[in-house]
All heavy atoms as atom14 arrays in JSON, in Angstrom:
{
  "sequence": "HEEGLDETFHVFEGTVKIAIPVYYVQEDFEHMLARARFLAKHLEQPGS",
  "atom14_mask": [
    [1, 1, 1, 1, 1, 1, 1, 1, 1, 1, 0, 0, 0, 0],
    [1, 1, 1, 1, 1, 1, 1, 1, 1, 0, 0, 0, 0, 0],
    [1, 1, 1, 1, 1, 1, 1, 1, 1, 0, 0, 0, 0, 0],
    [1, 1, 1, 1, 0, 0, 0, 0, 0, 0, 0, 0, 0, 0],
    [1, 1, 1, 1, 1, 1, 1, 1, 0, 0, 0, 0, 0, 0],
    [1, 1, 1, 1, 1, 1, 1, 1, 0, 0, 0, 0, 0, 0],
    [1, 1, 1, 1, 1, 1, 1, 1, 1, 0, 0, 0, 0, 0],
    [1, 1, 1, 1, 1, 1, 1, 0, 0, 0, 0, 0, 0, 0],
    [1, 1, 1, 1, 1, 1, 1, 1, 1, 1, 1, 0, 0, 0],
    [1, 1, 1, 1, 1, 1, 1, 1, 1, 1, 0, 0, 0, 0],
    [1, 1, 1, 1, 1, 1, 1, 0, 0, 0, 0, 0, 0, 0],
    [1, 1, 1, 1, 1, 1, 1, 1, 1, 1, 1, 0, 0, 0],
    [1, 1, 1, 1, 1, 1, 1, 1, 1, 0, 0, 0, 0, 0],
    [1, 1, 1, 1, 0, 0, 0, 0, 0, 0, 0, 0, 0, 0],
    [1, 1, 1, 1, 1, 1, 1, 0, 0, 0, 0, 0, 0, 0],
    [1, 1, 1, 1, 1, 1, 1, 0, 0, 0, 0, 0, 0, 0],
    [1, 1, 1, 1, 1, 1, 1, 1, 1, 0, 0, 0, 0, 0],
    [1, 1, 1, 1, 1, 1, 1, 1, 0, 0, 0, 0, 0, 0],
    [1, 1, 1, 1, 1, 0, 0, 0, 0, 0, 0, 0, 0, 0],
    [1, 1, 1, 1, 1, 1, 1, 1, 0, 0, 0, 0, 0, 0],
    [1, 1, 1, 1, 1, 1, 1, 0, 0, 0, 0, 0, 0, 0],
    [1, 1, 1, 1, 1, 1, 1, 0, 0, 0, 0, 0, 0, 0],
    [1, 1, 1, 1, 1, 1, 1, 1, 1, 1, 1, 1, 0, 0],
    [1, 1, 1, 1, 1, 1, 1, 1, 1, 1, 1, 1, 0, 0],
    [1, 1, 1, 1, 1, 1, 1, 0, 0, 0, 0, 0, 0, 0],
    [1, 1, 1, 1, 1, 1, 1, 1, 1, 0, 0, 0, 0, 0],
    [1, 1, 1, 1, 1, 1, 1, 1, 1, 0, 0, 0, 0, 0],
    [1, 1, 1, 1, 1, 1, 1, 1, 0, 0, 0, 0, 0, 0],
    [1, 1, 1, 1, 1, 1, 1, 1, 1, 1, 1, 0, 0, 0],
    [1, 1, 1, 1, 1, 1, 1, 1, 1, 0, 0, 0, 0, 0],
    [1, 1, 1, 1, 1, 1, 1, 1, 1, 1, 0, 0, 0, 0],
    [1, 1, 1, 1, 1, 1, 1, 1, 0, 0, 0, 0, 0, 0],
    [1, 1, 1, 1, 1, 1, 1, 1, 0, 0, 0, 0, 0, 0],
    [1, 1, 1, 1, 1, 0, 0, 0, 0, 0, 0, 0, 0, 0],
    [1, 1, 1, 1, 1, 1, 1, 1, 1, 1, 1, 0, 0, 0],
    [1, 1, 1, 1, 1, 0, 0, 0, 0, 0, 0, 0, 0, 0],
    [1, 1, 1, 1, 1, 1, 1, 1, 1, 1, 1, 0, 0, 0],
    [1, 1, 1, 1, 1, 1, 1, 1, 1, 1, 1, 0, 0, 0],
    [1, 1, 1, 1, 1, 1, 1, 1, 0, 0, 0, 0, 0, 0],
    [1, 1, 1, 1, 1, 0, 0, 0, 0, 0, 0, 0, 0, 0],
    [1, 1, 1, 1, 1, 1, 1, 1, 1, 0, 0, 0, 0, 0],
    [1, 1, 1, 1, 1, 1, 1, 1, 1, 1, 0, 0, 0, 0],
    [1, 1, 1, 1, 1, 1, 1, 1, 0, 0, 0, 0, 0, 0],
    [1, 1, 1, 1, 1, 1, 1, 1, 1, 0, 0, 0, 0, 0],
    [1, 1, 1, 1, 1, 1, 1, 1, 1, 0, 0, 0, 0, 0],
    [1, 1, 1, 1, 1, 1, 1, 0, 0, 0, 0, 0, 0, 0],
    [1, 1, 1, 1, 0, 0, 0, 0, 0, 0, 0, 0, 0, 0],
    [1, 1, 1, 1, 1, 1, 0, 0, 0, 0, 0, 0, 0, 0]
  ],
  "atom14_positions": [
    [[-77.99, -39.2, -52.16], [-79.37, -39.5, -51.84], [-80.0, -38.31, -51.14], [-79.55, -37.88, -50.09], [-79.48, -40.77, -50.98], [-80.89, -41.13, -50.7], [-81.77, -41.69, -51.65], [-81.62, -41.09, -49.51], [-82.89, -41.91, -51.06], [-82.86, -41.58, -49.83], [0.0, 0.0, 0.0], [0.0, 0.0, 0.0], [0.0, 0.0, 0.0], [0.0, 0.0, 0.0]],
    [[-81.05, -37.77, -51.73], [-81.81, -36.67, -51.13], [-82.67, -37.2, -50.03], [-83.59, -38.01, -50.3], [-82.63, -35.96, -52.2], [-83.23, -34.66, -51.81], [-82.31, -33.46, -51.96], [-81.35, -33.6, -52.73], [-82.61, -32.41, -51.41], [0.0, 0.0, 0.0], [0.0, 0.0, 0.0], [0.0, 0.0, 0.0], [0.0, 0.0, 0.0], [0.0, 0.0, 0.0]],
    [[-82.46, -36.72, -48.78], [-83.23, -37.22, -47.65], [-84.69, -36.87, -47.83], [-85.07, -35.74, -48.2], [-82.71, -36.54, -46.37], [-83.35, -37.13, -45.1], [-82.68, -36.61, -43.87], [-81.6, -35.96, -43.92], [-83.2, -36.9, -42.75], [0.0, 0.0, 0.0], [0.0, 0.0, 0.0], [0.0, 0.0, 0.0], [0.0, 0.0, 0.0], [0.0, 0.0, 0.0]],
    [[-85.53, -37.89, -47.67], [-86.98, -37.68, -47.84], [-87.47, -38.0, -49.18], [-88.7, -38.03, -49.43], [0.0, 0.0, 0.0], [0.0, 0.0, 0.0], [0.0, 0.0, 0.0], [0.0, 0.0, 0.0], [0.0, 0.0, 0.0], [0.0, 0.0, 0.0], [0.0, 0.0, 0.0], [0.0, 0.0, 0.0], [0.0, 0.0, 0.0], [0.0, 0.0, 0.0]],
    [[-86.58, -38.23, -50.15], [-86.95, -38.61, -51.49], [-86.42, -39.95, -51.83], [-85.29, -40.34, -51.45], [-86.4, -37.59, -52.54], [-86.95, -36.12, -52.42], [-86.25, -35.3, -53.48], [-88.44, -36.14, -52.63], [0.0, 0.0, 0.0], [0.0, 0.0, 0.0], [0.0, 0.0, 0.0], [0.0, 0.0, 0.0], [0.0, 0.0, 0.0], [0.0, 0.0, 0.0]],
    [[-87.22, -40.78, -52.46], [-86.79, -42.08, -52.88], [-86.07, -42.01, -54.25], [-86.54, -42.63, -55.22], [-88.01, -43.01, -52.97], [-87.58, -44.46, -53.18], [-86.4, -44.77, -52.9], [-88.43, -45.25, -53.67], [0.0, 0.0, 0.0], [0.0, 0.0, 0.0], [0.0, 0.0, 0.0], [0.0, 0.0, 0.0], [0.0, 0.0, 0.0], [0.0, 0.0, 0.0]],
    [[-84.98, -41.29, -54.28], [-84.27, -41.05, -55.48], [-82.84, -40.75, -55.29], [-82.51, -40.06, -54.33], [-84.97, -39.91, -56.32], [-84.47, -39.81, -57.74], [-85.36, -38.92, -58.62], [-86.31, -38.31, -58.06], [-85.1, -38.83, -59.83], [0.0, 0.0, 0.0], [0.0, 0.0, 0.0], [0.0, 0.0, 0.0], [0.0, 0.0, 0.0], [0.0, 0.0, 0.0]],
    [[-81.94, -41.29, -56.12], [-80.52, -41.01, -56.04], [-80.1, -40.1, -57.14], [-80.44, -40.34, -58.34], [-79.7, -42.36, -56.08], [-80.11, -43.16, -54.94], [-78.24, -42.05, -56.03], [0.0, 0.0, 0.0], [0.0, 0.0, 0.0], [0.0, 0.0, 0.0], [0.0, 0.0, 0.0], [0.0, 0.0, 0.0], [0.0, 0.0, 0.0], [0.0, 0.0, 0.0]],
    [[-79.39, -39.04, -56.79], [-78.93, -38.06, -57.75], [-77.41, -38.29, -58.0], [-76.68, -38.89, -57.2], [-79.15, -36.63, -57.28], [-80.61, -36.27, -57.12], [-81.23, -36.57, -55.94], [-81.31, -35.7, -58.15], [-82.6, -36.21, -55.76], [-82.65, -35.38, -58.0], [-83.28, -35.64, -56.78], [0.0, 0.0, 0.0], [0.0, 0.0, 0.0], [0.0, 0.0, 0.0]],
    [[-76.98, -37.72, -59.12], [-75.53, -37.71, -59.41], [-75.0, -36.26, -59.3], [-75.56, -35.36, -59.96], [-75.29, -38.25, -60.83], [-75.66, -39.72, -60.92], [-74.85, -40.75, -60.48], [-76.77, -40.29, -61.45], [-75.47, -41.87, -60.71], [-76.64, -41.64, -61.26], [0.0, 0.0, 0.0], [0.0, 0.0, 0.0], [0.0, 0.0, 0.0], [0.0, 0.0, 0.0]],
    [[-73.99, -36.08, -58.46], [-73.52, -34.7, -58.17], [-72.04, -34.61, -58.34], [-71.28, -35.54, -58.38], [-73.92, -34.34, -56.74], [-75.43, -34.37, -56.54], [-73.21, -35.18, -55.67], [0.0, 0.0, 0.0], [0.0, 0.0, 0.0], [0.0, 0.0, 0.0], [0.0, 0.0, 0.0], [0.0, 0.0, 0.0], [0.0, 0.0, 0.0], [0.0, 0.0, 0.0]],
    [[-71.6, -33.31, -58.47], [-70.17, -32.99, -58.47], [-69.85, -32.38, -57.08], [-70.58, -31.6, -56.54], [-69.87, -31.94, -59.53], [-70.26, -32.35, -60.91], [-71.23, -31.71, -61.62], [-69.62, -33.44, -61.52], [-71.56, -32.04, -62.94], [-69.96, -33.85, -62.83], [-70.91, -33.14, -63.5], [0.0, 0.0, 0.0], [0.0, 0.0, 0.0], [0.0, 0.0, 0.0]],
    [[-68.63, -32.71, -56.58], [-68.19, -32.16, -55.3], [-66.73, -31.74, -55.42], [-66.0, -32.17, -56.32], [-68.36, -33.18, -54.18], [-69.79, -33.62, -53.89], [-69.89, -34.74, -52.88], [-68.84, -35.47, -52.67], [-70.93, -34.9, -52.23], [0.0, 0.0, 0.0], [0.0, 0.0, 0.0], [0.0, 0.0, 0.0], [0.0, 0.0, 0.0], [0.0, 0.0, 0.0]],
    [[-66.3, -30.88, -54.51], [-64.89, -30.46, -54.46], [-64.48, -29.62, -55.62], [-65.14, -28.56, -55.9], [0.0, 0.0, 0.0], [0.0, 0.0, 0.0], [0.0, 0.0, 0.0], [0.0, 0.0, 0.0], [0.0, 0.0, 0.0], [0.0, 0.0, 0.0], [0.0, 0.0, 0.0], [0.0, 0.0, 0.0], [0.0, 0.0, 0.0], [0.0, 0.0, 0.0]],
    [[-63.43, -29.99, -56.3], [-62.96, -29.31, -57.53], [-63.47, -30.04, -58.75], [-63.27, -31.26, -58.91], [-61.45, -29.23, -57.57], [-60.99, -28.52, -56.4], [-60.98, -28.51, -58.85], [0.0, 0.0, 0.0], [0.0, 0.0, 0.0], [0.0, 0.0, 0.0], [0.0, 0.0, 0.0], [0.0, 0.0, 0.0], [0.0, 0.0, 0.0], [0.0, 0.0, 0.0]],
    [[-64.22, -29.35, -59.58], [-64.85, -29.94, -60.77], [-64.27, -29.3, -62.0], [-64.25, -28.04, -62.13], [-66.36, -29.72, -60.72], [-67.02, -30.38, -61.93], [-66.95, -30.21, -59.41], [0.0, 0.0, 0.0], [0.0, 0.0, 0.0], [0.0, 0.0, 0.0], [0.0, 0.0, 0.0], [0.0, 0.0, 0.0], [0.0, 0.0, 0.0], [0.0, 0.0, 0.0]],
    [[-63.8, -30.1, -62.94], [-63.26, -29.57, -64.21], [-64.02, -30.12, -65.36], [-64.04, -31.3, -65.62], [-61.75, -29.91, -64.35], [-61.11, -29.37, -65.62], [-59.63, -29.75, -65.74], [-58.79, -29.0, -64.77], [-57.31, -29.18, -65.04], [0.0, 0.0, 0.0], [0.0, 0.0, 0.0], [0.0, 0.0, 0.0], [0.0, 0.0, 0.0], [0.0, 0.0, 0.0]],
    [[-64.6, -29.22, -66.17], [-65.32, -29.58, -67.36], [-64.47, -29.12, -68.58], [-64.0, -28.01, -68.63], [-66.71, -28.9, -67.39], [-67.53, -29.34, -66.18], [-67.47, -29.24, -68.71], [-68.84, -28.57, -66.01], [0.0, 0.0, 0.0], [0.0, 0.0, 0.0], [0.0, 0.0, 0.0], [0.0, 0.0, 0.0], [0.0, 0.0, 0.0], [0.0, 0.0, 0.0]],
    [[-64.32, -30.02, -69.54], [-63.44, -29.77, -70.69], [-64.28, -29.62, -71.93], [-65.17, -30.42, -72.19], [-62.43, -30.84, -70.85], [0.0, 0.0, 0.0], [0.0, 0.0, 0.0], [0.0, 0.0, 0.0], [0.0, 0.0, 0.0], [0.0, 0.0, 0.0], [0.0, 0.0, 0.0], [0.0, 0.0, 0.0], [0.0, 0.0, 0.0], [0.0, 0.0, 0.0]],
    [[-63.95, -28.58, -72.72], [-64.71, -28.39, -74.02], [-63.66, -28.26, -75.14], [-62.8, -27.33, -75.07], [-65.51, -27.1, -73.96], [-66.52, -27.1, -72.8], [-66.26, -26.89, -75.27], [-66.04, -26.42, -71.56], [0.0, 0.0, 0.0], [0.0, 0.0, 0.0], [0.0, 0.0, 0.0], [0.0, 0.0, 0.0], [0.0, 0.0, 0.0], [0.0, 0.0, 0.0]],
    [[-63.65, -29.19, -76.12], [-62.73, -29.03, -77.26], [-63.09, -27.83, -78.16], [-64.26, -27.59, -78.42], [-62.89, -30.37, -78.01], [-63.68, -31.27, -77.12], [-64.5, -30.37, -76.23], [0.0, 0.0, 0.0], [0.0, 0.0, 0.0], [0.0, 0.0, 0.0], [0.0, 0.0, 0.0], [0.0, 0.0, 0.0], [0.0, 0.0, 0.0], [0.0, 0.0, 0.0]],
    [[-62.09, -27.09, -78.55], [-62.31, -25.97, -79.47], [-61.3, -26.09, -80.61], [-60.14, -26.46, -80.41], [-62.19, -24.63, -78.75], [-63.36, -24.42, -77.8], [-60.88, -24.53, -77.97], [0.0, 0.0, 0.0], [0.0, 0.0, 0.0], [0.0, 0.0, 0.0], [0.0, 0.0, 0.0], [0.0, 0.0, 0.0], [0.0, 0.0, 0.0], [0.0, 0.0, 0.0]],
    [[-61.74, -25.75, -81.89], [-60.9, -25.9, -83.03], [-60.94, -24.56, -83.8], [-61.98, -24.05, -84.13], [-61.44, -27.0, -83.96], [-61.77, -28.29, -83.29], [-63.12, -28.55, -82.95], [-60.81, -29.24, -83.0], [-63.46, -29.79, -82.32], [-61.14, -30.43, -82.37], [-62.46, -30.64, -82.05], [-62.78, -31.85, -81.48], [0.0, 0.0, 0.0], [0.0, 0.0, 0.0]],
    [[-59.72, -24.09, -84.12], [-59.66, -22.91, -84.96], [-59.56, -23.34, -86.37], [-58.61, -24.03, -86.79], [-58.38, -22.05, -84.57], [-58.29, -20.7, -85.29], [-59.23, -19.71, -85.01], [-57.33, -20.5, -86.26], [-59.18, -18.5, -85.68], [-57.28, -19.26, -86.93], [-58.2, -18.27, -86.63], [-58.16, -17.11, -87.29], [0.0, 0.0, 0.0], [0.0, 0.0, 0.0]],
    [[-60.59, -22.95, -87.21], [-60.7, -23.57, -88.52], [-60.51, -22.55, -89.68], [-60.71, -22.87, -90.83], [-62.1, -24.23, -88.71], [-62.26, -25.38, -87.78], [-63.22, -23.2, -88.46], [0.0, 0.0, 0.0], [0.0, 0.0, 0.0], [0.0, 0.0, 0.0], [0.0, 0.0, 0.0], [0.0, 0.0, 0.0], [0.0, 0.0, 0.0], [0.0, 0.0, 0.0]],
    [[-60.13, -21.34, -89.32], [-59.87, -20.31, -90.35], [-58.42, -20.36, -90.76], [-57.52, -20.01, -89.93], [-60.28, -18.94, -89.88], [-60.07, -17.83, -90.9], [-60.71, -16.51, -90.47], [-61.89, -16.43, -90.28], [-59.89, -15.5, -90.3], [0.0, 0.0, 0.0], [0.0, 0.0, 0.0], [0.0, 0.0, 0.0], [0.0, 0.0, 0.0], [0.0, 0.0, 0.0]],
    [[-58.14, -20.7, -91.97], [-56.75, -20.81, -92.45], [-56.05, -19.45, -92.45], [-56.61, -18.47, -92.88], [-56.69, -21.44, -93.87], [-55.26, -21.72, -94.29], [-55.22, -22.45, -95.62], [-56.26, -22.57, -96.24], [-54.13, -22.92, -96.02], [0.0, 0.0, 0.0], [0.0, 0.0, 0.0], [0.0, 0.0, 0.0], [0.0, 0.0, 0.0], [0.0, 0.0, 0.0]],
    [[-54.83, -19.47, -91.93], [-54.06, -18.23, -91.89], [-53.8, -17.7, -93.34], [-53.49, -18.48, -94.26], [-52.71, -18.5, -91.19], [-51.84, -17.26, -91.13], [-52.14, -16.39, -90.31], [-50.85, -17.18, -91.86], [0.0, 0.0, 0.0], [0.0, 0.0, 0.0], [0.0, 0.0, 0.0], [0.0, 0.0, 0.0], [0.0, 0.0, 0.0], [0.0, 0.0, 0.0]],
    [[-53.83, -16.37, -93.55], [-53.69, -15.8, -94.84], [-52.33, -16.12, -95.47], [-52.22, -16.44, -96.68], [-53.91, -14.26, -94.76], [-53.83, -13.57, -96.06], [-54.91, -13.59, -96.93], [-52.7, -12.87, -96.47], [-54.85, -12.96, -98.15], [-52.61, -12.21, -97.66], [-53.71, -12.2, -98.51], [0.0, 0.0, 0.0], [0.0, 0.0, 0.0], [0.0, 0.0, 0.0]],
    [[-51.28, -16.04, -94.69], [-49.93, -16.31, -95.19], [-49.81, -17.74, -95.6], [-49.13, -18.1, -96.57], [-48.89, -15.97, -94.1], [-48.89, -14.5, -93.71], [-48.54, -13.59, -94.89], [-47.85, -14.03, -95.83], [-48.91, -12.4, -94.83], [0.0, 0.0, 0.0], [0.0, 0.0, 0.0], [0.0, 0.0, 0.0], [0.0, 0.0, 0.0], [0.0, 0.0, 0.0]],
    [[-50.46, -18.63, -94.85], [-50.51, -20.09, -95.21], [-51.11, -20.26, -96.55], [-50.66, -21.03, -97.41], [-51.23, -20.83, -94.09], [-51.07, -22.3, -94.18], [-52.02, -23.09, -94.73], [-50.05, -23.13, -93.81], [-51.62, -24.36, -94.67], [-50.42, -24.42, -94.16], [0.0, 0.0, 0.0], [0.0, 0.0, 0.0], [0.0, 0.0, 0.0], [0.0, 0.0, 0.0]],
    [[-52.27, -19.6, -96.82], [-52.92, -19.72, -98.1], [-52.09, -19.18, -99.2], [-52.01, -19.77, -100.3], [-54.29, -18.97, -98.06], [-55.34, -19.7, -97.23], [-57.0, -19.0, -97.44], [-56.76, -17.4, -96.63], [0.0, 0.0, 0.0], [0.0, 0.0, 0.0], [0.0, 0.0, 0.0], [0.0, 0.0, 0.0], [0.0, 0.0, 0.0], [0.0, 0.0, 0.0]],
    [[-51.41, -18.05, -99.01], [-50.52, -17.5, -100.02], [-49.38, -18.44, -100.38], [-49.07, -18.61, -101.57], [-49.96, -16.11, -99.57], [-50.82, -14.9, -99.76], [-50.06, -13.65, -99.34], [-51.28, -14.79, -101.21], [0.0, 0.0, 0.0], [0.0, 0.0, 0.0], [0.0, 0.0, 0.0], [0.0, 0.0, 0.0], [0.0, 0.0, 0.0], [0.0, 0.0, 0.0]],
    [[-48.83, -19.08, -99.37], [-47.72, -20.0, -99.6], [-48.2, -21.18, -100.43], [-47.48, -21.63, -101.35], [-47.17, -20.48, -98.29], [0.0, 0.0, 0.0], [0.0, 0.0, 0.0], [0.0, 0.0, 0.0], [0.0, 0.0, 0.0], [0.0, 0.0, 0.0], [0.0, 0.0, 0.0], [0.0, 0.0, 0.0], [0.0, 0.0, 0.0], [0.0, 0.0, 0.0]],
    [[-49.39, -21.66, -100.19], [-49.92, -22.77, -101.0], [-50.2, -22.35, -102.42], [-50.01, -23.06, -103.4], [-51.18, -23.35, -100.34], [-50.91, -24.05, -99.04], [-52.02, -25.03, -98.62], [-53.28, -24.33, -98.37], [-54.38, -24.52, -99.05], [-54.35, -25.31, -100.13], [-55.49, -23.88, -98.78], [0.0, 0.0, 0.0], [0.0, 0.0, 0.0], [0.0, 0.0, 0.0]],
    [[-50.69, -21.05, -102.58], [-50.96, -20.57, -103.93], [-49.63, -20.4, -104.69], [-49.62, -20.67, -105.93], [-51.71, -19.22, -103.82], [0.0, 0.0, 0.0], [0.0, 0.0, 0.0], [0.0, 0.0, 0.0], [0.0, 0.0, 0.0], [0.0, 0.0, 0.0], [0.0, 0.0, 0.0], [0.0, 0.0, 0.0], [0.0, 0.0, 0.0], [0.0, 0.0, 0.0]],
    [[-48.61, -19.89, -104.04], [-47.31, -19.74, -104.74], [-46.76, -21.11, -105.17], [-46.18, -21.24, -106.26], [-46.31, -19.05, -103.82], [-46.63, -17.57, -103.46], [-45.53, -16.93, -102.73], [-45.89, -15.66, -102.17], [-46.19, -15.44, -100.85], [-46.11, -16.5, -99.99], [-46.55, -14.27, -100.45], [0.0, 0.0, 0.0], [0.0, 0.0, 0.0], [0.0, 0.0, 0.0]],
    [[-46.94, -22.08, -104.3], [-46.48, -23.44, -104.64], [-47.25, -23.95, -105.87], [-46.68, -24.48, -106.79], [-46.71, -24.37, -103.46], [-46.31, -25.8, -103.71], [-45.05, -26.26, -103.42], [-47.26, -26.7, -104.27], [-44.66, -27.56, -103.66], [-46.91, -28.02, -104.51], [-45.61, -28.46, -104.22], [0.0, 0.0, 0.0], [0.0, 0.0, 0.0], [0.0, 0.0, 0.0]],
    [[-48.54, -23.71, -105.89], [-49.37, -24.13, -107.01], [-48.92, -23.43, -108.28], [-48.83, -24.06, -109.36], [-50.84, -23.82, -106.74], [-51.91, -24.36, -107.71], [-51.86, -25.84, -107.84], [-53.28, -23.86, -107.3], [0.0, 0.0, 0.0], [0.0, 0.0, 0.0], [0.0, 0.0, 0.0], [0.0, 0.0, 0.0], [0.0, 0.0, 0.0], [0.0, 0.0, 0.0]],
    [[-48.71, -22.12, -108.22], [-48.3, -21.38, -109.45], [-46.98, -21.86, -109.95], [-46.76, -21.87, -111.17], [-48.19, -19.88, -109.09], [0.0, 0.0, 0.0], [0.0, 0.0, 0.0], [0.0, 0.0, 0.0], [0.0, 0.0, 0.0], [0.0, 0.0, 0.0], [0.0, 0.0, 0.0], [0.0, 0.0, 0.0], [0.0, 0.0, 0.0], [0.0, 0.0, 0.0]],
    [[-46.09, -22.28, -109.08], [-44.75, -22.74, -109.47], [-44.83, -24.04, -110.24], [-43.98, -24.35, -111.14], [-43.89, -22.9, -108.23], [-42.44, -23.36, -108.5], [-41.67, -23.44, -107.23], [-40.24, -23.89, -107.49], [-39.49, -23.99, -106.21], [0.0, 0.0, 0.0], [0.0, 0.0, 0.0], [0.0, 0.0, 0.0], [0.0, 0.0, 0.0], [0.0, 0.0, 0.0]],
    [[-45.81, -24.87, -109.89], [-45.89, -26.24, -110.49], [-46.94, -26.37, -111.61], [-47.0, -27.42, -112.24], [-46.16, -27.27, -109.4], [-44.98, -27.44, -108.47], [-44.68, -26.58, -107.42], [-43.99, -28.35, -108.48], [-43.63, -26.97, -106.78], [-43.12, -28.06, -107.41], [0.0, 0.0, 0.0], [0.0, 0.0, 0.0], [0.0, 0.0, 0.0], [0.0, 0.0, 0.0]],
    [[-47.74, -25.36, -111.77], [-48.74, -25.42, -112.88], [-48.09, -25.02, -114.2], [-47.15, -24.25, -114.23], [-49.91, -24.49, -112.57], [-50.98, -24.99, -111.61], [-52.04, -23.9, -111.36], [-51.7, -26.22, -112.14], [0.0, 0.0, 0.0], [0.0, 0.0, 0.0], [0.0, 0.0, 0.0], [0.0, 0.0, 0.0], [0.0, 0.0, 0.0], [0.0, 0.0, 0.0]],
    [[-48.67, -25.52, -115.27], [-48.28, -25.07, -116.56], [-49.09, -23.84, -117.0], [-50.16, -23.56, -116.39], [-48.46, -26.18, -117.62], [-47.59, -27.41, -117.32], [-47.79, -28.49, -118.38], [-48.7, -28.32, -119.26], [-47.1, -29.53, -118.36], [0.0, 0.0, 0.0], [0.0, 0.0, 0.0], [0.0, 0.0, 0.0], [0.0, 0.0, 0.0], [0.0, 0.0, 0.0]],
    [[-48.64, -23.12, -117.98], [-49.36, -21.98, -118.49], [-50.6, -22.49, -119.27], [-50.56, -23.55, -119.83], [-48.49, -21.14, -119.37], [-47.38, -20.43, -118.68], [-47.86, -19.34, -117.74], [-49.06, -19.0, -117.76], [-46.95, -18.82, -116.96], [0.0, 0.0, 0.0], [0.0, 0.0, 0.0], [0.0, 0.0, 0.0], [0.0, 0.0, 0.0], [0.0, 0.0, 0.0]],
    [[-51.75, -21.74, -119.27], [-51.92, -20.4, -118.68], [-52.26, -20.43, -117.19], [-52.41, -19.37, -116.6], [-53.05, -19.82, -119.52], [-53.87, -21.01, -119.79], [-52.93, -22.17, -120.02], [0.0, 0.0, 0.0], [0.0, 0.0, 0.0], [0.0, 0.0, 0.0], [0.0, 0.0, 0.0], [0.0, 0.0, 0.0], [0.0, 0.0, 0.0], [0.0, 0.0, 0.0]],
    [[-52.5, -21.62, -116.64], [-52.93, -21.7, -115.26], [-51.99, -21.06, -114.27], [-52.4, -20.3, -113.36], [0.0, 0.0, 0.0], [0.0, 0.0, 0.0], [0.0, 0.0, 0.0], [0.0, 0.0, 0.0], [0.0, 0.0, 0.0], [0.0, 0.0, 0.0], [0.0, 0.0, 0.0], [0.0, 0.0, 0.0], [0.0, 0.0, 0.0], [0.0, 0.0, 0.0]],
    [[-50.67, -21.21, -114.5], [-49.69, -20.64, -113.58], [-49.73, -19.15, -113.58], [-49.68, -18.51, -112.5], [-48.25, -21.13, -113.99], [-47.3, -20.52, -113.22], [0.0, 0.0, 0.0], [0.0, 0.0, 0.0], [0.0, 0.0, 0.0], [0.0, 0.0, 0.0], [0.0, 0.0, 0.0], [0.0, 0.0, 0.0], [0.0, 0.0, 0.0], [0.0, 0.0, 0.0]]
  ]
}
């Protein structure tokens, strides 16, 4: 409560930790190659 104001605020005190989720969305090159090799192995010609 701010003295002199008829209003209640919401505050942080002490140690404050804010969390932000982060996602790495770029597929690793070796991972893509492995999937492509798997696909080539199981496709029929001429696709393989």
